N, C-alpha and C. Protein backbone atom coordinates (compact mmCIF):
# COMPACT_ATOMS: atom_id res chain seq x y z
N MET A 1 121.24 16.73 68.52
CA MET A 1 120.10 17.30 67.83
C MET A 1 119.42 16.19 67.02
N ALA A 2 118.10 16.09 67.18
CA ALA A 2 117.33 15.06 66.47
C ALA A 2 117.13 15.45 65.01
N VAL A 3 117.28 14.49 64.16
CA VAL A 3 117.08 14.74 62.73
C VAL A 3 115.66 14.32 62.37
N GLN A 4 114.93 15.22 61.72
CA GLN A 4 113.57 14.93 61.31
C GLN A 4 113.60 14.07 60.05
N PRO A 5 112.79 13.03 59.98
CA PRO A 5 112.74 12.25 58.74
C PRO A 5 112.11 13.07 57.63
N PRO A 6 112.47 12.80 56.40
CA PRO A 6 111.86 13.56 55.30
C PRO A 6 110.38 13.26 55.22
N PRO A 7 109.59 14.21 54.74
CA PRO A 7 108.16 13.95 54.64
C PRO A 7 107.86 12.81 53.68
N ARG A 8 106.83 12.07 53.98
CA ARG A 8 106.46 10.95 53.10
C ARG A 8 105.90 11.50 51.80
N ARG A 9 106.17 10.80 50.73
CA ARG A 9 105.69 11.20 49.42
C ARG A 9 104.85 10.09 48.81
N ASP A 10 104.22 9.29 49.66
CA ASP A 10 103.33 8.24 49.16
C ASP A 10 102.09 8.20 50.05
N PHE A 11 101.14 7.38 49.68
CA PHE A 11 99.88 7.34 50.40
C PHE A 11 100.00 6.55 51.69
N ARG A 12 99.46 7.11 52.77
CA ARG A 12 99.33 6.38 54.01
C ARG A 12 97.96 5.71 54.02
N PRO A 13 97.77 4.68 54.84
CA PRO A 13 96.49 3.97 54.79
C PRO A 13 95.32 4.81 55.28
N ILE A 14 94.16 4.44 54.81
CA ILE A 14 92.83 4.92 55.13
C ILE A 14 92.76 6.23 55.92
N LEU A 15 92.41 7.27 55.23
CA LEU A 15 92.15 8.57 55.84
C LEU A 15 90.77 9.04 55.39
N ARG A 16 90.17 9.86 56.22
CA ARG A 16 88.84 10.37 55.90
C ARG A 16 88.84 11.89 55.93
N ALA A 17 87.97 12.48 55.17
CA ALA A 17 87.74 13.91 55.22
C ALA A 17 86.35 14.18 54.69
N ASP A 18 85.82 15.33 55.05
CA ASP A 18 84.49 15.70 54.57
C ASP A 18 84.60 16.28 53.17
N LEU A 19 83.57 16.06 52.37
CA LEU A 19 83.50 16.66 51.04
C LEU A 19 82.45 17.76 51.06
N ALA A 20 82.64 18.70 51.96
CA ALA A 20 81.64 19.74 52.17
C ALA A 20 81.52 20.68 50.99
N THR A 21 82.48 20.68 50.09
CA THR A 21 82.45 21.63 48.98
C THR A 21 81.51 21.18 47.87
N TYR A 22 80.88 20.06 48.00
CA TYR A 22 80.04 19.53 46.92
C TYR A 22 78.58 19.91 47.05
N GLY A 23 78.29 20.87 47.92
CA GLY A 23 76.92 21.28 48.14
C GLY A 23 76.11 21.59 46.90
N PRO A 24 76.65 22.35 45.94
CA PRO A 24 75.83 22.71 44.78
C PRO A 24 75.38 21.52 43.95
N THR A 25 76.05 20.39 44.05
CA THR A 25 75.65 19.24 43.25
C THR A 25 74.82 18.24 44.04
N ARG A 26 74.49 18.59 45.26
CA ARG A 26 73.69 17.68 46.06
C ARG A 26 72.28 17.58 45.52
N GLY A 27 71.66 16.44 45.69
CA GLY A 27 70.30 16.24 45.23
C GLY A 27 69.29 16.29 46.34
N LYS A 28 69.65 16.86 47.49
CA LYS A 28 68.73 16.90 48.62
C LYS A 28 68.13 18.28 48.75
N SER A 29 66.83 18.35 49.03
CA SER A 29 66.21 19.63 49.30
C SER A 29 66.71 20.15 50.63
N THR A 30 66.81 21.46 50.76
CA THR A 30 67.30 22.03 52.01
C THR A 30 66.26 22.90 52.69
N THR A 31 65.08 23.02 52.09
CA THR A 31 64.04 23.82 52.71
C THR A 31 62.73 23.05 52.73
N ARG A 32 61.80 23.56 53.50
CA ARG A 32 60.51 22.90 53.63
C ARG A 32 59.44 23.98 53.61
N SER A 33 58.32 23.74 52.96
CA SER A 33 57.25 24.72 52.94
C SER A 33 56.66 24.89 54.33
N ARG A 34 56.26 26.11 54.68
CA ARG A 34 55.69 26.36 55.98
C ARG A 34 54.45 25.50 56.19
N GLY A 35 54.36 24.91 57.35
CA GLY A 35 53.18 24.12 57.68
C GLY A 35 53.24 22.69 57.20
N ALA A 36 54.30 22.30 56.50
CA ALA A 36 54.39 20.93 56.03
C ALA A 36 54.68 20.00 57.19
N GLY A 37 54.16 18.81 57.12
CA GLY A 37 54.34 17.87 58.21
C GLY A 37 55.71 17.23 58.19
N GLY A 38 56.05 16.55 59.27
CA GLY A 38 57.31 15.82 59.37
C GLY A 38 58.42 16.65 59.96
N ASN A 39 59.49 16.00 60.39
CA ASN A 39 60.61 16.68 61.02
C ASN A 39 61.87 16.65 60.17
N ASP A 40 61.79 16.16 58.96
CA ASP A 40 62.97 16.03 58.12
C ASP A 40 63.29 17.37 57.48
N PRO A 41 64.46 17.99 57.81
CA PRO A 41 64.79 19.29 57.22
C PRO A 41 65.07 19.20 55.73
N ASP A 42 65.25 17.98 55.21
CA ASP A 42 65.50 17.81 53.79
C ASP A 42 64.23 17.48 53.03
N ALA A 43 63.08 17.77 53.61
CA ALA A 43 61.81 17.45 52.95
C ALA A 43 61.15 18.73 52.45
N ARG A 44 60.41 18.60 51.37
CA ARG A 44 59.60 19.70 50.85
C ARG A 44 58.15 19.37 51.10
N GLY A 45 57.36 20.37 51.48
CA GLY A 45 55.94 20.15 51.72
C GLY A 45 55.12 20.65 50.55
N LEU A 46 54.00 19.97 50.28
CA LEU A 46 53.16 20.35 49.16
C LEU A 46 51.77 19.79 49.39
N GLN A 47 50.75 20.60 49.12
CA GLN A 47 49.39 20.09 49.19
C GLN A 47 48.94 19.74 47.79
N LEU A 48 48.51 18.49 47.62
CA LEU A 48 48.08 17.99 46.31
C LEU A 48 46.59 17.74 46.35
N LEU A 49 45.85 18.62 45.75
CA LEU A 49 44.41 18.43 45.74
C LEU A 49 43.94 18.43 44.30
N GLY A 50 43.49 17.27 43.83
CA GLY A 50 43.03 17.15 42.45
C GLY A 50 41.57 17.52 42.31
N VAL A 51 41.09 17.53 41.09
CA VAL A 51 39.71 17.90 40.80
C VAL A 51 38.74 16.94 41.49
N SER A 52 39.09 15.66 41.53
CA SER A 52 38.19 14.68 42.13
C SER A 52 38.52 14.44 43.61
N ARG A 53 39.17 15.40 44.25
CA ARG A 53 39.56 15.32 45.65
C ARG A 53 40.65 14.27 45.88
N GLY A 54 41.20 13.73 44.82
CA GLY A 54 42.34 12.82 44.94
C GLY A 54 43.61 13.61 44.71
N PRO A 55 44.77 12.97 44.85
CA PRO A 55 46.04 13.68 44.66
C PRO A 55 46.21 14.18 43.22
N ASP A 56 46.80 15.36 43.12
CA ASP A 56 47.15 15.93 41.82
C ASP A 56 48.61 15.56 41.54
N TYR A 57 48.81 14.42 40.88
CA TYR A 57 50.16 13.92 40.66
C TYR A 57 50.96 14.81 39.72
N GLN A 58 50.28 15.46 38.78
CA GLN A 58 50.99 16.38 37.89
C GLN A 58 51.56 17.55 38.67
N LYS A 59 50.83 18.02 39.66
CA LYS A 59 51.31 19.11 40.49
C LYS A 59 52.55 18.67 41.27
N LEU A 60 52.53 17.44 41.79
CA LEU A 60 53.69 16.91 42.50
C LEU A 60 54.89 16.82 41.57
N GLU A 61 54.69 16.27 40.38
CA GLU A 61 55.79 16.12 39.43
C GLU A 61 56.37 17.48 39.03
N SER A 62 55.50 18.45 38.84
CA SER A 62 55.96 19.79 38.49
C SER A 62 56.75 20.43 39.64
N ALA A 63 56.26 20.25 40.87
CA ALA A 63 56.95 20.83 42.03
C ALA A 63 58.33 20.19 42.22
N ILE A 64 58.42 18.88 42.02
CA ILE A 64 59.71 18.19 42.15
C ILE A 64 60.67 18.70 41.07
N ALA A 65 60.19 18.80 39.83
CA ALA A 65 61.04 19.28 38.74
C ALA A 65 61.56 20.69 39.02
N ASP A 66 60.67 21.57 39.49
CA ASP A 66 61.08 22.95 39.80
C ASP A 66 62.15 22.98 40.89
N GLU A 67 61.95 22.21 41.94
CA GLU A 67 62.91 22.18 43.05
C GLU A 67 64.27 21.65 42.59
N LEU A 68 64.27 20.54 41.85
CA LEU A 68 65.53 19.97 41.40
C LEU A 68 66.24 20.89 40.41
N ASN A 69 65.48 21.53 39.53
CA ASN A 69 66.10 22.45 38.58
C ASN A 69 66.76 23.63 39.28
N THR A 70 66.16 24.09 40.37
CA THR A 70 66.78 25.15 41.17
C THR A 70 68.08 24.66 41.78
N GLN A 71 68.06 23.45 42.34
CA GLN A 71 69.25 22.91 42.98
C GLN A 71 70.36 22.60 41.99
N TYR A 72 70.01 22.17 40.79
CA TYR A 72 71.01 21.75 39.82
C TYR A 72 71.44 22.87 38.88
N GLN A 73 71.03 24.10 39.17
CA GLN A 73 71.41 25.24 38.34
C GLN A 73 72.93 25.35 38.15
N PRO A 74 73.74 25.14 39.23
CA PRO A 74 75.20 25.23 39.04
C PRO A 74 75.76 24.18 38.08
N LEU A 75 75.00 23.13 37.82
CA LEU A 75 75.45 22.09 36.89
C LEU A 75 75.15 22.44 35.44
N ALA A 76 74.37 23.51 35.24
CA ALA A 76 73.93 23.92 33.90
C ALA A 76 73.16 22.80 33.21
N ARG A 77 72.39 22.05 34.01
CA ARG A 77 71.53 20.99 33.47
C ARG A 77 70.18 21.09 34.14
N GLN A 78 69.17 20.55 33.45
CA GLN A 78 67.82 20.57 33.99
C GLN A 78 67.20 19.19 33.91
N VAL A 79 66.26 18.97 34.80
CA VAL A 79 65.49 17.73 34.78
C VAL A 79 64.59 17.77 33.55
N SER A 80 64.61 16.70 32.77
CA SER A 80 63.79 16.69 31.55
C SER A 80 62.39 16.15 31.82
N SER A 81 62.23 15.32 32.85
CA SER A 81 60.90 14.81 33.19
C SER A 81 60.91 14.25 34.60
N VAL A 82 59.73 14.18 35.19
CA VAL A 82 59.53 13.52 36.48
C VAL A 82 58.31 12.63 36.35
N GLU A 83 58.42 11.39 36.78
CA GLU A 83 57.29 10.46 36.73
C GLU A 83 57.04 9.88 38.10
N CYS A 84 55.81 10.01 38.55
CA CYS A 84 55.38 9.43 39.83
C CYS A 84 54.32 8.37 39.55
N PRO A 85 54.38 7.25 40.27
CA PRO A 85 53.35 6.22 40.08
C PRO A 85 52.00 6.74 40.55
N ARG A 86 50.93 6.23 39.98
CA ARG A 86 49.57 6.59 40.36
C ARG A 86 48.88 5.35 40.92
N PRO A 87 48.89 5.19 42.25
CA PRO A 87 48.26 4.00 42.85
C PRO A 87 46.76 3.95 42.54
N ASP A 88 46.23 2.74 42.47
CA ASP A 88 44.80 2.56 42.22
C ASP A 88 43.95 3.05 43.39
N LYS A 89 44.43 2.82 44.61
CA LYS A 89 43.66 3.23 45.80
C LYS A 89 44.11 4.61 46.25
N PRO A 90 43.18 5.40 46.82
CA PRO A 90 43.57 6.72 47.33
C PRO A 90 44.60 6.56 48.46
N PRO A 91 45.65 7.39 48.47
CA PRO A 91 46.67 7.27 49.50
C PRO A 91 46.16 7.71 50.87
N LYS A 92 46.77 7.14 51.90
CA LYS A 92 46.46 7.51 53.29
C LYS A 92 47.71 8.10 53.91
N ALA A 93 47.55 8.74 55.06
CA ALA A 93 48.69 9.30 55.79
C ALA A 93 49.73 8.21 56.02
N GLY A 94 50.98 8.53 55.72
CA GLY A 94 52.07 7.58 55.90
C GLY A 94 52.43 6.80 54.64
N ASP A 95 51.54 6.79 53.65
CA ASP A 95 51.85 6.11 52.39
C ASP A 95 52.97 6.85 51.66
N THR A 96 53.79 6.10 50.96
CA THR A 96 54.88 6.71 50.19
C THR A 96 54.84 6.22 48.75
N LEU A 97 55.44 7.01 47.90
CA LEU A 97 55.66 6.59 46.52
C LEU A 97 57.00 7.16 46.08
N THR A 98 57.64 6.45 45.16
CA THR A 98 58.95 6.88 44.68
C THR A 98 58.82 7.40 43.26
N CYS A 99 59.11 8.68 43.11
CA CYS A 99 59.08 9.32 41.80
C CYS A 99 60.50 9.27 41.23
N VAL A 100 60.59 9.37 39.91
CA VAL A 100 61.90 9.31 39.24
C VAL A 100 62.03 10.53 38.33
N ALA A 101 63.11 11.30 38.56
CA ALA A 101 63.42 12.45 37.72
C ALA A 101 64.56 12.09 36.78
N ASP A 102 64.43 12.47 35.52
CA ASP A 102 65.47 12.22 34.53
C ASP A 102 66.38 13.44 34.48
N LEU A 103 67.64 13.24 34.90
CA LEU A 103 68.64 14.31 34.85
C LEU A 103 69.76 13.86 33.93
N ASP A 104 69.81 14.42 32.75
CA ASP A 104 70.88 14.12 31.81
C ASP A 104 70.98 12.62 31.53
N GLY A 105 69.83 11.95 31.46
CA GLY A 105 69.81 10.52 31.18
C GLY A 105 69.96 9.63 32.39
N GLY A 106 70.14 10.21 33.57
CA GLY A 106 70.26 9.43 34.81
C GLY A 106 69.03 9.61 35.67
N ASP A 107 68.72 8.61 36.49
CA ASP A 107 67.54 8.64 37.36
C ASP A 107 67.89 9.17 38.74
N VAL A 108 67.19 10.24 39.15
CA VAL A 108 67.26 10.76 40.51
C VAL A 108 65.93 10.40 41.17
N ARG A 109 65.99 9.63 42.24
CA ARG A 109 64.76 9.17 42.90
C ARG A 109 64.33 10.12 44.00
N VAL A 110 63.04 10.34 44.07
CA VAL A 110 62.45 11.24 45.05
C VAL A 110 61.33 10.48 45.76
N VAL A 111 61.41 10.42 47.09
CA VAL A 111 60.38 9.74 47.88
C VAL A 111 59.38 10.78 48.36
N ALA A 112 58.12 10.57 48.03
CA ALA A 112 57.03 11.44 48.48
C ALA A 112 56.24 10.70 49.55
N THR A 113 56.00 11.37 50.66
CA THR A 113 55.26 10.78 51.79
C THR A 113 54.01 11.59 52.04
N PHE A 114 52.86 10.93 52.04
CA PHE A 114 51.61 11.61 52.36
C PHE A 114 51.56 11.81 53.87
N THR A 115 51.45 13.07 54.28
CA THR A 115 51.54 13.39 55.71
C THR A 115 50.18 13.36 56.41
N ASP A 116 49.11 13.33 55.64
CA ASP A 116 47.76 13.26 56.22
C ASP A 116 46.81 12.70 55.17
N ASP A 117 45.52 12.66 55.50
CA ASP A 117 44.53 12.13 54.56
C ASP A 117 43.96 13.21 53.64
N ASP A 118 44.54 14.44 53.70
CA ASP A 118 44.09 15.54 52.85
C ASP A 118 45.05 15.79 51.69
N ASN A 119 45.85 14.78 51.36
CA ASN A 119 46.77 14.84 50.22
C ASN A 119 47.91 15.83 50.38
N ASN A 120 48.30 16.12 51.62
CA ASN A 120 49.52 16.90 51.84
C ASN A 120 50.70 15.95 51.75
N VAL A 121 51.77 16.41 51.10
CA VAL A 121 52.90 15.55 50.80
C VAL A 121 54.21 16.25 51.15
N ASP A 122 55.13 15.51 51.77
CA ASP A 122 56.53 15.92 51.90
C ASP A 122 57.33 15.07 50.94
N TYR A 123 58.36 15.65 50.32
CA TYR A 123 59.18 14.85 49.43
C TYR A 123 60.65 15.18 49.62
N ARG A 124 61.50 14.18 49.35
CA ARG A 124 62.94 14.35 49.48
C ARG A 124 63.64 13.41 48.51
N THR A 125 64.81 13.84 48.06
CA THR A 125 65.58 12.97 47.18
C THR A 125 66.34 11.94 48.02
N ILE A 126 66.63 10.80 47.41
CA ILE A 126 67.43 9.78 48.10
C ILE A 126 68.73 9.51 47.35
N ASP A 127 69.03 10.36 46.37
CA ASP A 127 70.25 10.23 45.59
C ASP A 127 71.04 11.54 45.65
N THR A 128 72.35 11.42 45.52
CA THR A 128 73.25 12.56 45.46
C THR A 128 73.83 12.65 44.05
N VAL A 129 73.90 13.86 43.52
CA VAL A 129 74.43 14.07 42.17
C VAL A 129 75.81 14.70 42.28
N TYR A 130 76.78 14.09 41.61
CA TYR A 130 78.15 14.60 41.57
C TYR A 130 78.50 15.03 40.16
N ASP A 131 79.05 16.23 40.02
CA ASP A 131 79.70 16.64 38.79
C ASP A 131 81.13 16.12 38.92
N LEU A 132 81.50 15.14 38.10
CA LEU A 132 82.77 14.44 38.32
C LEU A 132 83.99 15.33 38.12
N THR A 133 83.90 16.34 37.27
CA THR A 133 85.02 17.28 37.12
C THR A 133 85.24 18.04 38.42
N ASP A 134 84.16 18.53 39.03
CA ASP A 134 84.27 19.23 40.31
C ASP A 134 84.71 18.27 41.42
N THR A 135 84.23 17.03 41.35
CA THR A 135 84.60 16.04 42.35
C THR A 135 86.10 15.77 42.30
N GLU A 136 86.65 15.62 41.09
CA GLU A 136 88.09 15.42 40.94
C GLU A 136 88.88 16.56 41.55
N ALA A 137 88.47 17.79 41.25
CA ALA A 137 89.19 18.96 41.77
C ALA A 137 89.11 19.02 43.29
N GLY A 138 87.91 18.78 43.84
CA GLY A 138 87.75 18.83 45.30
C GLY A 138 88.55 17.76 46.00
N LEU A 139 88.52 16.53 45.46
CA LEU A 139 89.29 15.45 46.06
C LEU A 139 90.79 15.71 45.96
N ALA A 140 91.27 16.18 44.81
CA ALA A 140 92.70 16.45 44.64
C ALA A 140 93.16 17.48 45.67
N GLU A 141 92.37 18.50 45.87
CA GLU A 141 92.73 19.54 46.84
C GLU A 141 92.76 18.98 48.26
N GLN A 142 91.73 18.22 48.64
CA GLN A 142 91.67 17.70 50.00
C GLN A 142 92.73 16.63 50.26
N ILE A 143 92.94 15.72 49.30
CA ILE A 143 93.95 14.67 49.50
C ILE A 143 95.34 15.28 49.54
N SER A 144 95.62 16.24 48.66
CA SER A 144 96.93 16.90 48.65
C SER A 144 97.18 17.60 49.98
N ALA A 145 96.16 18.28 50.50
CA ALA A 145 96.32 18.98 51.79
C ALA A 145 96.55 17.98 52.92
N ARG A 146 95.87 16.86 52.88
CA ARG A 146 95.99 15.86 53.94
C ARG A 146 97.35 15.18 53.94
N TYR A 147 97.86 14.85 52.73
CA TYR A 147 99.11 14.11 52.64
C TYR A 147 100.35 14.99 52.54
N GLY A 148 100.19 16.25 52.17
CA GLY A 148 101.33 17.15 52.08
C GLY A 148 102.07 17.11 50.77
N PHE A 149 101.48 16.53 49.73
CA PHE A 149 102.06 16.56 48.39
C PHE A 149 100.93 16.54 47.38
N ASP A 150 101.23 17.01 46.17
CA ASP A 150 100.21 17.12 45.13
C ASP A 150 99.83 15.74 44.58
N VAL A 151 98.54 15.54 44.41
CA VAL A 151 98.05 14.32 43.77
C VAL A 151 97.12 14.74 42.63
N THR A 152 96.96 13.84 41.67
CA THR A 152 95.95 14.03 40.63
C THR A 152 94.88 12.97 40.85
N VAL A 153 93.65 13.33 40.53
CA VAL A 153 92.51 12.44 40.77
C VAL A 153 91.73 12.27 39.48
N GLU A 154 91.33 11.04 39.20
CA GLU A 154 90.50 10.72 38.04
C GLU A 154 89.21 10.06 38.54
N CYS A 155 88.07 10.62 38.12
CA CYS A 155 86.77 10.05 38.50
C CYS A 155 85.91 9.71 37.29
N GLY A 156 86.29 10.18 36.11
CA GLY A 156 85.46 9.98 34.93
C GLY A 156 84.89 11.29 34.44
N ASP A 157 83.90 11.21 33.58
CA ASP A 157 83.30 12.40 32.97
C ASP A 157 81.82 12.50 33.30
N GLY A 158 81.28 13.70 33.17
CA GLY A 158 79.84 13.90 33.30
C GLY A 158 79.36 13.90 34.74
N LEU A 159 78.14 13.42 34.92
CA LEU A 159 77.50 13.35 36.24
C LEU A 159 77.50 11.92 36.74
N LYS A 160 77.50 11.79 38.06
CA LYS A 160 77.35 10.47 38.69
C LYS A 160 76.26 10.62 39.74
N ILE A 161 75.28 9.73 39.69
CA ILE A 161 74.17 9.75 40.64
C ILE A 161 74.34 8.56 41.57
N VAL A 162 74.42 8.84 42.86
CA VAL A 162 74.74 7.81 43.86
C VAL A 162 73.69 7.85 44.96
N GLU A 163 73.18 6.69 45.32
CA GLU A 163 72.23 6.59 46.43
C GLU A 163 72.92 7.00 47.72
N SER A 164 72.24 7.77 48.56
CA SER A 164 72.80 8.18 49.84
C SER A 164 73.22 6.96 50.63
N GLY A 165 74.43 7.03 51.19
CA GLY A 165 74.97 5.91 51.95
C GLY A 165 75.79 4.95 51.12
N ARG A 166 75.72 5.06 49.79
CA ARG A 166 76.47 4.17 48.89
C ARG A 166 77.79 4.82 48.49
N THR A 167 78.64 4.05 47.83
CA THR A 167 79.97 4.52 47.48
C THR A 167 80.23 4.44 45.99
N PHE A 168 81.26 5.17 45.55
CA PHE A 168 81.84 5.00 44.22
C PHE A 168 83.33 5.27 44.35
N GLU A 169 84.08 4.90 43.33
CA GLU A 169 85.54 5.02 43.42
C GLU A 169 86.11 5.93 42.34
N CYS A 170 87.17 6.65 42.76
CA CYS A 170 88.01 7.41 41.86
C CYS A 170 89.43 6.87 42.06
N SER A 171 90.39 7.39 41.29
CA SER A 171 91.78 6.99 41.51
C SER A 171 92.62 8.23 41.73
N ALA A 172 93.58 8.13 42.66
CA ALA A 172 94.50 9.22 42.96
C ALA A 172 95.92 8.76 42.68
N THR A 173 96.71 9.64 42.07
CA THR A 173 98.09 9.31 41.71
C THR A 173 99.04 10.28 42.41
N ASP A 174 100.07 9.72 43.10
CA ASP A 174 101.03 10.56 43.82
C ASP A 174 102.17 10.98 42.88
N PRO A 175 103.10 11.86 43.35
CA PRO A 175 104.17 12.35 42.46
C PRO A 175 105.07 11.25 41.92
N GLY A 176 105.16 10.12 42.61
CA GLY A 176 105.99 9.02 42.14
C GLY A 176 105.30 8.10 41.16
N GLY A 177 104.03 8.39 40.86
CA GLY A 177 103.29 7.58 39.91
C GLY A 177 102.49 6.46 40.52
N ALA A 178 102.56 6.31 41.86
CA ALA A 178 101.75 5.28 42.52
C ALA A 178 100.29 5.69 42.52
N THR A 179 99.41 4.75 42.24
CA THR A 179 97.98 5.04 42.16
C THR A 179 97.24 4.25 43.22
N ARG A 180 96.28 4.89 43.86
CA ARG A 180 95.43 4.25 44.85
C ARG A 180 93.98 4.58 44.53
N ALA A 181 93.10 3.67 44.91
CA ALA A 181 91.66 3.92 44.77
C ALA A 181 91.20 4.83 45.90
N VAL A 182 90.31 5.73 45.55
CA VAL A 182 89.69 6.62 46.55
C VAL A 182 88.21 6.27 46.59
N GLN A 183 87.74 5.87 47.74
CA GLN A 183 86.33 5.51 47.89
C GLN A 183 85.57 6.71 48.45
N VAL A 184 84.56 7.15 47.71
CA VAL A 184 83.72 8.28 48.13
C VAL A 184 82.38 7.73 48.57
N THR A 185 81.93 8.16 49.74
CA THR A 185 80.63 7.75 50.27
C THR A 185 79.69 8.94 50.28
N ALA A 186 78.54 8.79 49.63
CA ALA A 186 77.53 9.85 49.61
C ALA A 186 76.86 9.91 50.99
N GLY A 187 76.89 11.07 51.62
CA GLY A 187 76.33 11.21 52.95
C GLY A 187 74.82 11.06 52.95
N GLU A 188 74.31 10.53 54.05
CA GLU A 188 72.87 10.49 54.25
C GLU A 188 72.35 11.91 54.46
N ALA A 189 71.03 12.09 54.49
CA ALA A 189 70.45 13.41 54.70
C ALA A 189 71.01 14.03 55.97
N GLY A 190 71.52 15.25 55.85
CA GLY A 190 72.08 15.96 56.99
C GLY A 190 73.52 15.58 57.32
N GLU A 191 74.10 14.63 56.60
CA GLU A 191 75.49 14.23 56.85
C GLU A 191 76.36 14.63 55.67
N LYS A 192 77.67 14.77 55.94
CA LYS A 192 78.60 15.14 54.89
C LYS A 192 79.10 13.90 54.16
N ASP A 193 79.54 14.11 52.93
CA ASP A 193 80.19 13.04 52.18
C ASP A 193 81.56 12.78 52.80
N THR A 194 82.09 11.56 52.61
CA THR A 194 83.42 11.23 53.11
C THR A 194 84.21 10.53 52.01
N TRP A 195 85.52 10.52 52.18
CA TRP A 195 86.39 9.77 51.27
C TRP A 195 87.43 9.04 52.08
N LYS A 196 87.97 7.97 51.51
CA LYS A 196 89.11 7.29 52.12
C LYS A 196 89.94 6.65 51.03
N ILE A 197 91.24 6.56 51.31
CA ILE A 197 92.18 5.91 50.40
C ILE A 197 92.13 4.40 50.69
N LEU A 198 91.95 3.60 49.66
CA LEU A 198 91.92 2.15 49.83
C LEU A 198 93.31 1.56 49.59
N GLU A 199 93.66 0.58 50.38
CA GLU A 199 94.96 -0.09 50.23
C GLU A 199 94.91 -1.12 49.14
């Protein structure tokens, strides 16, 4: 009769899993106004028509703030301001500008793209917002399930704003007290976040 080795109680090298439970803290729009141009499902459409037939930047800033405040409701925080640059020349179809929303003292960037010459705009965030307390709990659950033993995870306090495609690190500790870095990658639009244990 073959004897099964005891289960490992330490970290094995590089594993990945999705962080699908972090949806409420995501900074990406998930809907688009009817008739808005573009094929990006993470874009919001808006027509900006100012008094002088130029773009109404205040309307854009207000729409971005409203959308982000809706998305960040589970965080119990609101965007305090949104600032978009005002180019000297009238924008043309395809022109973009990067607006910045202040969320709890951190910058969330929003790219607005003019979809035509009539000041119609699609916008989308390029940053992901993490509530680090929720991130710790989600990672601890997923890593524990993957490895078969309980781990504790430390990521810090408050919110962390990460550009899509970029990484940040937390630390995970196994029952024996060994600690490893956990690298979290913010997913691009339409992709899930991932994590891996670093050696």
